[in-house]
Amino acid sequence: MQKENLSSDDMNFILNKESGVYGISGVSVDFRDIETEAISGDKQAQLALDVFHYAVASYIAKCAVAMGGIDVLTFTAGVGEKGSISRKAICEQLEFLGVNIDDEKNKIRGEEAELSTADSKVKIYTIPTNEELMIAKETIKLINQK
């Protein structure tokens, strides 16, 4: 920050709006946009997806080591709920743990469903979130604390 003479607000903007998948892809922070560009051949967009998928799969594998394995893998919220491309790419990197996703079931978007194949050692699910409801519940909790 000192070298570039940036304020904390400038740095906050850079870290939260211009880094991560946007910084790599140069497209957007919205995975739908990045996937669209990657499908159309944009190499930077594909790289952003590859980096994201690897990071998520690595984190899941790290947790699996700490827990001595996994029985269930659940995808939720934005990308997890609606991102069939991301779910498949992440699961493919976890096949060594017995994670096998069913391509047909993986087409499901925005509803609770099992996505694993019959022979998968790990059950795979997608579960929608209701973020607005959770925010409302937390708000009520805060109001009632006073």
N, C-alpha and C. Protein backbone atom coordinates (compact mmCIF):
# COMPACT_ATOMS: atom_id res chain seq x y z
N MET A 1 0.82 -1.18 0.00
CA MET A 1 0.00 0.00 0.00
C MET A 1 0.87 1.26 0.00
N GLN A 2 1.95 1.21 0.80
CA GLN A 2 2.82 2.38 0.86
C GLN A 2 3.50 2.62 -0.47
N LYS A 3 4.02 1.56 -1.07
CA LYS A 3 4.74 1.70 -2.34
C LYS A 3 3.86 2.31 -3.42
N GLU A 4 2.60 1.88 -3.49
CA GLU A 4 1.68 2.37 -4.51
C GLU A 4 0.84 3.55 -4.04
N ASN A 5 1.08 4.00 -2.79
CA ASN A 5 0.35 5.12 -2.21
C ASN A 5 -1.17 4.87 -2.22
N LEU A 6 -1.54 3.69 -1.71
CA LEU A 6 -2.95 3.31 -1.70
C LEU A 6 -3.53 3.48 -0.30
N SER A 7 -4.77 3.90 -0.24
CA SER A 7 -5.47 3.98 1.04
C SER A 7 -6.02 2.59 1.38
N SER A 8 -6.50 2.44 2.59
CA SER A 8 -7.11 1.16 2.97
C SER A 8 -8.37 0.90 2.14
N ASP A 9 -9.10 1.94 1.78
CA ASP A 9 -10.28 1.78 0.91
C ASP A 9 -9.86 1.32 -0.49
N ASP A 10 -8.77 1.89 -1.01
CA ASP A 10 -8.26 1.45 -2.32
C ASP A 10 -7.89 -0.03 -2.27
N MET A 11 -7.17 -0.41 -1.21
CA MET A 11 -6.72 -1.80 -1.08
C MET A 11 -7.91 -2.73 -0.92
N ASN A 12 -8.88 -2.32 -0.14
CA ASN A 12 -10.09 -3.11 0.04
C ASN A 12 -10.78 -3.34 -1.30
N PHE A 13 -10.87 -2.31 -2.11
CA PHE A 13 -11.49 -2.42 -3.44
C PHE A 13 -10.71 -3.40 -4.31
N ILE A 14 -9.40 -3.26 -4.32
CA ILE A 14 -8.56 -4.14 -5.15
C ILE A 14 -8.74 -5.60 -4.73
N LEU A 15 -8.69 -5.86 -3.42
CA LEU A 15 -8.78 -7.23 -2.93
C LEU A 15 -10.16 -7.85 -3.14
N ASN A 16 -11.21 -7.03 -2.99
CA ASN A 16 -12.56 -7.56 -3.06
C ASN A 16 -13.22 -7.45 -4.43
N LYS A 17 -12.71 -6.59 -5.30
CA LYS A 17 -13.36 -6.38 -6.59
C LYS A 17 -12.48 -6.67 -7.80
N GLU A 18 -11.17 -6.65 -7.62
CA GLU A 18 -10.29 -6.81 -8.78
C GLU A 18 -9.34 -8.00 -8.67
N SER A 19 -9.50 -8.81 -7.65
CA SER A 19 -8.61 -9.94 -7.45
C SER A 19 -9.37 -11.25 -7.65
N GLY A 20 -8.80 -12.35 -7.23
CA GLY A 20 -9.45 -13.65 -7.33
C GLY A 20 -9.79 -14.02 -8.76
N VAL A 21 -10.98 -14.58 -8.97
CA VAL A 21 -11.35 -15.03 -10.31
C VAL A 21 -11.45 -13.87 -11.29
N TYR A 22 -11.81 -12.70 -10.80
CA TYR A 22 -11.84 -11.54 -11.71
C TYR A 22 -10.42 -11.15 -12.13
N GLY A 23 -9.51 -11.15 -11.17
CA GLY A 23 -8.13 -10.80 -11.47
C GLY A 23 -7.50 -11.76 -12.48
N ILE A 24 -7.85 -13.02 -12.41
CA ILE A 24 -7.30 -14.02 -13.34
C ILE A 24 -8.02 -13.96 -14.68
N SER A 25 -9.36 -13.94 -14.63
CA SER A 25 -10.14 -14.02 -15.87
C SER A 25 -10.21 -12.69 -16.62
N GLY A 26 -10.27 -11.59 -15.86
CA GLY A 26 -10.48 -10.30 -16.49
C GLY A 26 -11.90 -10.14 -17.01
N VAL A 27 -12.77 -11.05 -16.63
CA VAL A 27 -14.14 -11.08 -17.14
C VAL A 27 -15.13 -10.52 -16.12
N SER A 28 -15.19 -11.14 -14.95
CA SER A 28 -16.24 -10.83 -13.99
C SER A 28 -15.96 -11.57 -12.69
N VAL A 29 -16.71 -11.24 -11.66
CA VAL A 29 -16.71 -12.04 -10.43
C VAL A 29 -17.85 -13.06 -10.48
N ASP A 30 -18.70 -12.95 -11.47
CA ASP A 30 -19.85 -13.83 -11.63
C ASP A 30 -19.42 -15.08 -12.41
N PHE A 31 -19.55 -16.23 -11.77
CA PHE A 31 -19.11 -17.47 -12.39
C PHE A 31 -19.89 -17.80 -13.66
N ARG A 32 -21.11 -17.35 -13.75
CA ARG A 32 -21.88 -17.59 -14.99
C ARG A 32 -21.19 -16.92 -16.17
N ASP A 33 -20.73 -15.69 -15.97
CA ASP A 33 -20.02 -14.97 -17.02
C ASP A 33 -18.69 -15.65 -17.35
N ILE A 34 -17.98 -16.06 -16.33
CA ILE A 34 -16.68 -16.69 -16.53
C ILE A 34 -16.85 -18.01 -17.28
N GLU A 35 -17.86 -18.80 -16.89
CA GLU A 35 -18.11 -20.08 -17.58
C GLU A 35 -18.47 -19.85 -19.04
N THR A 36 -19.29 -18.85 -19.29
CA THR A 36 -19.69 -18.54 -20.68
C THR A 36 -18.46 -18.21 -21.52
N GLU A 37 -17.58 -17.38 -20.98
CA GLU A 37 -16.36 -17.02 -21.70
C GLU A 37 -15.43 -18.21 -21.87
N ALA A 38 -15.32 -19.04 -20.84
CA ALA A 38 -14.46 -20.23 -20.93
C ALA A 38 -14.97 -21.18 -22.01
N ILE A 39 -16.28 -21.38 -22.06
CA ILE A 39 -16.88 -22.26 -23.07
C ILE A 39 -16.62 -21.72 -24.47
N SER A 40 -16.59 -20.40 -24.60
CA SER A 40 -16.35 -19.80 -25.92
C SER A 40 -14.85 -19.73 -26.26
N GLY A 41 -14.00 -20.27 -25.39
CA GLY A 41 -12.58 -20.38 -25.71
C GLY A 41 -11.65 -19.40 -25.03
N ASP A 42 -12.15 -18.58 -24.14
CA ASP A 42 -11.31 -17.62 -23.44
C ASP A 42 -10.38 -18.36 -22.47
N LYS A 43 -9.09 -18.33 -22.75
CA LYS A 43 -8.11 -19.08 -21.96
C LYS A 43 -7.97 -18.54 -20.53
N GLN A 44 -8.07 -17.24 -20.36
CA GLN A 44 -7.96 -16.66 -19.02
C GLN A 44 -9.17 -17.03 -18.16
N ALA A 45 -10.34 -17.04 -18.78
CA ALA A 45 -11.55 -17.45 -18.06
C ALA A 45 -11.43 -18.91 -17.64
N GLN A 46 -10.93 -19.76 -18.54
CA GLN A 46 -10.74 -21.17 -18.21
C GLN A 46 -9.72 -21.34 -17.10
N LEU A 47 -8.65 -20.55 -17.14
CA LEU A 47 -7.64 -20.60 -16.09
C LEU A 47 -8.25 -20.22 -14.74
N ALA A 48 -9.07 -19.19 -14.72
CA ALA A 48 -9.73 -18.78 -13.47
C ALA A 48 -10.57 -19.92 -12.91
N LEU A 49 -11.32 -20.60 -13.77
CA LEU A 49 -12.12 -21.74 -13.32
C LEU A 49 -11.23 -22.86 -12.82
N ASP A 50 -10.18 -23.16 -13.56
CA ASP A 50 -9.27 -24.25 -13.16
C ASP A 50 -8.65 -23.97 -11.79
N VAL A 51 -8.22 -22.73 -11.57
CA VAL A 51 -7.62 -22.36 -10.29
C VAL A 51 -8.66 -22.50 -9.17
N PHE A 52 -9.87 -22.02 -9.42
CA PHE A 52 -10.95 -22.13 -8.42
C PHE A 52 -11.26 -23.59 -8.10
N HIS A 53 -11.45 -24.40 -9.14
CA HIS A 53 -11.79 -25.82 -8.93
C HIS A 53 -10.69 -26.54 -8.15
N TYR A 54 -9.45 -26.27 -8.51
CA TYR A 54 -8.32 -26.90 -7.81
C TYR A 54 -8.30 -26.47 -6.34
N ALA A 55 -8.52 -25.19 -6.08
CA ALA A 55 -8.50 -24.69 -4.70
C ALA A 55 -9.60 -25.35 -3.87
N VAL A 56 -10.80 -25.45 -4.43
CA VAL A 56 -11.90 -26.07 -3.70
C VAL A 56 -11.62 -27.55 -3.46
N ALA A 57 -11.20 -28.27 -4.50
CA ALA A 57 -10.90 -29.69 -4.36
C ALA A 57 -9.78 -29.92 -3.36
N SER A 58 -8.77 -29.07 -3.38
CA SER A 58 -7.65 -29.19 -2.44
C SER A 58 -8.13 -28.99 -1.00
N TYR A 59 -8.99 -28.03 -0.80
CA TYR A 59 -9.51 -27.77 0.53
C TYR A 59 -10.35 -28.95 1.03
N ILE A 60 -11.17 -29.50 0.15
CA ILE A 60 -11.98 -30.67 0.52
C ILE A 60 -11.07 -31.84 0.87
N ALA A 61 -10.02 -32.07 0.06
CA ALA A 61 -9.08 -33.16 0.33
C ALA A 61 -8.37 -32.95 1.66
N LYS A 62 -8.00 -31.71 1.95
CA LYS A 62 -7.35 -31.39 3.22
C LYS A 62 -8.28 -31.72 4.39
N CYS A 63 -9.53 -31.37 4.27
CA CYS A 63 -10.52 -31.70 5.31
C CYS A 63 -10.70 -33.21 5.43
N ALA A 64 -10.71 -33.90 4.30
CA ALA A 64 -10.86 -35.35 4.32
C ALA A 64 -9.71 -36.00 5.07
N VAL A 65 -8.50 -35.50 4.90
CA VAL A 65 -7.35 -36.02 5.63
C VAL A 65 -7.55 -35.80 7.13
N ALA A 66 -7.95 -34.59 7.50
CA ALA A 66 -8.15 -34.26 8.91
C ALA A 66 -9.23 -35.12 9.56
N MET A 67 -10.25 -35.48 8.76
CA MET A 67 -11.37 -36.25 9.30
C MET A 67 -11.22 -37.76 9.08
N GLY A 68 -10.19 -38.16 8.36
CA GLY A 68 -10.02 -39.59 8.08
C GLY A 68 -10.95 -40.09 7.00
N GLY A 69 -11.37 -39.21 6.10
CA GLY A 69 -12.27 -39.57 5.01
C GLY A 69 -13.53 -38.73 5.03
N ILE A 70 -14.35 -38.92 4.00
CA ILE A 70 -15.64 -38.23 3.96
C ILE A 70 -16.73 -39.19 3.52
N ASP A 71 -17.91 -38.99 4.04
CA ASP A 71 -19.07 -39.80 3.68
C ASP A 71 -19.98 -39.05 2.72
N VAL A 72 -20.06 -37.72 2.92
CA VAL A 72 -20.99 -36.90 2.14
C VAL A 72 -20.28 -35.62 1.72
N LEU A 73 -20.49 -35.25 0.47
CA LEU A 73 -20.00 -33.99 -0.07
C LEU A 73 -21.22 -33.19 -0.50
N THR A 74 -21.40 -32.00 0.07
CA THR A 74 -22.57 -31.20 -0.21
C THR A 74 -22.18 -29.90 -0.89
N PHE A 75 -22.83 -29.60 -2.00
CA PHE A 75 -22.64 -28.33 -2.70
C PHE A 75 -23.85 -27.46 -2.41
N THR A 76 -23.60 -26.19 -2.08
CA THR A 76 -24.68 -25.29 -1.75
C THR A 76 -24.31 -23.86 -2.16
N ALA A 77 -25.27 -22.98 -2.08
CA ALA A 77 -25.10 -21.57 -2.46
C ALA A 77 -24.75 -21.44 -3.93
N GLY A 78 -24.72 -20.23 -4.42
CA GLY A 78 -24.52 -19.90 -5.83
C GLY A 78 -23.90 -20.95 -6.72
N VAL A 79 -22.57 -21.03 -6.73
CA VAL A 79 -21.86 -21.95 -7.62
C VAL A 79 -22.19 -23.40 -7.28
N GLY A 80 -22.23 -23.73 -6.00
CA GLY A 80 -22.50 -25.11 -5.59
C GLY A 80 -23.89 -25.59 -5.96
N GLU A 81 -24.83 -24.69 -5.90
CA GLU A 81 -26.22 -25.01 -6.18
C GLU A 81 -26.53 -25.06 -7.68
N LYS A 82 -25.90 -24.17 -8.41
CA LYS A 82 -26.27 -24.01 -9.82
C LYS A 82 -25.15 -24.31 -10.80
N GLY A 83 -23.93 -24.52 -10.30
CA GLY A 83 -22.76 -24.66 -11.16
C GLY A 83 -22.38 -26.09 -11.50
N SER A 84 -23.10 -26.67 -12.42
CA SER A 84 -22.82 -28.08 -12.78
C SER A 84 -21.41 -28.26 -13.32
N ILE A 85 -20.89 -27.27 -14.04
CA ILE A 85 -19.53 -27.37 -14.57
C ILE A 85 -18.53 -27.42 -13.42
N SER A 86 -18.72 -26.55 -12.45
CA SER A 86 -17.81 -26.51 -11.30
C SER A 86 -17.94 -27.76 -10.44
N ARG A 87 -19.17 -28.20 -10.19
CA ARG A 87 -19.34 -29.42 -9.39
C ARG A 87 -18.62 -30.60 -10.03
N LYS A 88 -18.79 -30.76 -11.34
CA LYS A 88 -18.15 -31.88 -12.04
C LYS A 88 -16.63 -31.78 -11.97
N ALA A 89 -16.09 -30.60 -12.24
CA ALA A 89 -14.63 -30.41 -12.23
C ALA A 89 -14.05 -30.68 -10.84
N ILE A 90 -14.73 -30.22 -9.82
CA ILE A 90 -14.26 -30.45 -8.45
C ILE A 90 -14.32 -31.94 -8.12
N CYS A 91 -15.43 -32.58 -8.44
CA CYS A 91 -15.59 -34.00 -8.14
C CYS A 91 -14.58 -34.86 -8.90
N GLU A 92 -14.28 -34.50 -10.13
CA GLU A 92 -13.30 -35.26 -10.90
C GLU A 92 -11.94 -35.25 -10.22
N GLN A 93 -11.59 -34.15 -9.57
CA GLN A 93 -10.31 -34.08 -8.87
C GLN A 93 -10.33 -34.86 -7.56
N LEU A 94 -11.51 -35.26 -7.12
CA LEU A 94 -11.64 -36.00 -5.86
C LEU A 94 -11.98 -37.48 -6.08
N GLU A 95 -11.87 -37.94 -7.31
CA GLU A 95 -12.20 -39.34 -7.59
C GLU A 95 -11.36 -40.31 -6.77
N PHE A 96 -10.13 -39.93 -6.44
CA PHE A 96 -9.26 -40.81 -5.65
C PHE A 96 -9.83 -41.07 -4.25
N LEU A 97 -10.76 -40.22 -3.80
CA LEU A 97 -11.43 -40.41 -2.51
C LEU A 97 -12.71 -41.23 -2.65
N GLY A 98 -13.03 -41.64 -3.88
CA GLY A 98 -14.26 -42.38 -4.11
C GLY A 98 -15.43 -41.50 -4.45
N VAL A 99 -15.16 -40.26 -4.87
CA VAL A 99 -16.20 -39.31 -5.25
C VAL A 99 -16.50 -39.50 -6.73
N ASN A 100 -17.72 -39.91 -7.05
CA ASN A 100 -18.13 -40.10 -8.45
C ASN A 100 -19.48 -39.42 -8.67
N ILE A 101 -19.46 -38.42 -9.53
CA ILE A 101 -20.68 -37.65 -9.80
C ILE A 101 -21.36 -38.19 -11.06
N ASP A 102 -22.67 -38.28 -11.02
CA ASP A 102 -23.47 -38.74 -12.15
C ASP A 102 -23.74 -37.56 -13.07
N ASP A 103 -23.28 -37.66 -14.32
CA ASP A 103 -23.42 -36.53 -15.25
C ASP A 103 -24.86 -36.11 -15.48
N GLU A 104 -25.76 -37.06 -15.53
CA GLU A 104 -27.18 -36.73 -15.76
C GLU A 104 -27.79 -36.04 -14.55
N LYS A 105 -27.54 -36.59 -13.36
CA LYS A 105 -28.06 -35.98 -12.14
C LYS A 105 -27.45 -34.60 -11.91
N ASN A 106 -26.21 -34.42 -12.36
CA ASN A 106 -25.51 -33.16 -12.15
C ASN A 106 -26.13 -32.00 -12.93
N LYS A 107 -27.03 -32.28 -13.84
CA LYS A 107 -27.70 -31.22 -14.58
C LYS A 107 -28.73 -30.48 -13.72
N ILE A 108 -29.08 -31.05 -12.58
CA ILE A 108 -30.06 -30.45 -11.67
C ILE A 108 -29.52 -29.13 -11.14
N ARG A 109 -30.40 -28.13 -11.12
CA ARG A 109 -30.02 -26.79 -10.64
C ARG A 109 -31.06 -26.28 -9.64
N GLY A 110 -30.59 -25.78 -8.53
CA GLY A 110 -31.46 -25.07 -7.60
C GLY A 110 -32.47 -25.92 -6.86
N GLU A 111 -32.21 -27.22 -6.74
CA GLU A 111 -33.11 -28.05 -5.93
C GLU A 111 -32.30 -29.09 -5.19
N GLU A 112 -32.84 -29.56 -4.08
CA GLU A 112 -32.15 -30.57 -3.29
C GLU A 112 -32.15 -31.89 -4.05
N ALA A 113 -30.96 -32.47 -4.20
CA ALA A 113 -30.86 -33.71 -4.96
C ALA A 113 -29.56 -34.42 -4.66
N GLU A 114 -29.59 -35.74 -4.80
CA GLU A 114 -28.35 -36.53 -4.74
C GLU A 114 -27.76 -36.57 -6.14
N LEU A 115 -26.46 -36.34 -6.25
CA LEU A 115 -25.79 -36.26 -7.55
C LEU A 115 -24.80 -37.40 -7.76
N SER A 116 -24.59 -38.24 -6.77
CA SER A 116 -23.59 -39.29 -6.88
C SER A 116 -24.06 -40.46 -7.72
N THR A 117 -23.09 -41.17 -8.27
CA THR A 117 -23.40 -42.41 -8.99
C THR A 117 -23.72 -43.50 -7.96
N ALA A 118 -24.30 -44.58 -8.42
CA ALA A 118 -24.65 -45.68 -7.52
C ALA A 118 -23.42 -46.29 -6.86
N ASP A 119 -22.28 -46.27 -7.56
CA ASP A 119 -21.07 -46.89 -7.01
C ASP A 119 -20.13 -45.90 -6.31
N SER A 120 -20.56 -44.67 -6.15
CA SER A 120 -19.72 -43.67 -5.48
C SER A 120 -19.59 -44.02 -4.00
N LYS A 121 -18.38 -43.99 -3.48
CA LYS A 121 -18.15 -44.25 -2.06
C LYS A 121 -18.60 -43.08 -1.21
N VAL A 122 -18.67 -41.91 -1.83
CA VAL A 122 -19.08 -40.68 -1.15
C VAL A 122 -20.40 -40.21 -1.77
N LYS A 123 -21.38 -39.95 -0.93
CA LYS A 123 -22.64 -39.40 -1.41
C LYS A 123 -22.44 -37.92 -1.73
N ILE A 124 -22.97 -37.49 -2.87
CA ILE A 124 -22.84 -36.10 -3.29
C ILE A 124 -24.24 -35.50 -3.37
N TYR A 125 -24.40 -34.35 -2.75
CA TYR A 125 -25.70 -33.67 -2.75
C TYR A 125 -25.54 -32.22 -3.14
N THR A 126 -26.62 -31.67 -3.66
CA THR A 126 -26.75 -30.22 -3.80
C THR A 126 -27.96 -29.82 -2.96
N ILE A 127 -27.78 -28.78 -2.17
CA ILE A 127 -28.84 -28.30 -1.29
C ILE A 127 -28.95 -26.79 -1.45
N PRO A 128 -30.09 -26.31 -1.90
CA PRO A 128 -30.27 -24.86 -2.07
C PRO A 128 -30.20 -24.12 -0.74
N THR A 129 -29.75 -22.90 -0.80
CA THR A 129 -29.75 -22.04 0.39
C THR A 129 -30.84 -20.99 0.21
N ASN A 130 -31.27 -20.48 1.32
CA ASN A 130 -32.20 -19.36 1.32
C ASN A 130 -31.53 -18.26 2.12
N GLU A 131 -30.60 -17.57 1.48
CA GLU A 131 -29.79 -16.57 2.17
C GLU A 131 -30.63 -15.44 2.74
N GLU A 132 -31.67 -15.04 2.03
CA GLU A 132 -32.52 -13.96 2.52
C GLU A 132 -33.20 -14.37 3.82
N LEU A 133 -33.67 -15.62 3.90
CA LEU A 133 -34.30 -16.11 5.12
C LEU A 133 -33.31 -16.13 6.28
N MET A 134 -32.11 -16.57 6.02
CA MET A 134 -31.08 -16.61 7.07
C MET A 134 -30.74 -15.20 7.56
N ILE A 135 -30.65 -14.25 6.66
CA ILE A 135 -30.38 -12.86 7.05
C ILE A 135 -31.52 -12.34 7.91
N ALA A 136 -32.75 -12.63 7.51
CA ALA A 136 -33.91 -12.19 8.29
C ALA A 136 -33.91 -12.81 9.68
N LYS A 137 -33.59 -14.10 9.79
CA LYS A 137 -33.55 -14.77 11.09
C LYS A 137 -32.47 -14.16 11.98
N GLU A 138 -31.30 -13.91 11.42
CA GLU A 138 -30.21 -13.32 12.20
C GLU A 138 -30.56 -11.90 12.62
N THR A 139 -31.25 -11.16 11.77
CA THR A 139 -31.67 -9.80 12.11
C THR A 139 -32.65 -9.83 13.28
N ILE A 140 -33.58 -10.74 13.24
CA ILE A 140 -34.57 -10.87 14.34
C ILE A 140 -33.85 -11.21 15.64
N LYS A 141 -32.85 -12.12 15.57
CA LYS A 141 -32.08 -12.47 16.75
C LYS A 141 -31.39 -11.24 17.35
N LEU A 142 -30.79 -10.43 16.48
CA LEU A 142 -30.11 -9.22 16.96
C LEU A 142 -31.08 -8.23 17.59
N ILE A 143 -32.22 -8.06 16.96
CA ILE A 143 -33.23 -7.12 17.48
C ILE A 143 -33.74 -7.59 18.83
N ASN A 144 -33.96 -8.89 18.98
CA ASN A 144 -34.48 -9.43 20.23
C ASN A 144 -33.47 -9.45 21.37
N GLN A 145 -32.20 -9.25 21.07
CA GLN A 145 -31.17 -9.21 22.12
C GLN A 145 -31.19 -7.92 22.91
N LYS A 146 -31.80 -6.89 22.37
CA LYS A 146 -31.77 -5.56 23.03
C LYS A 146 -32.78 -5.45 24.12
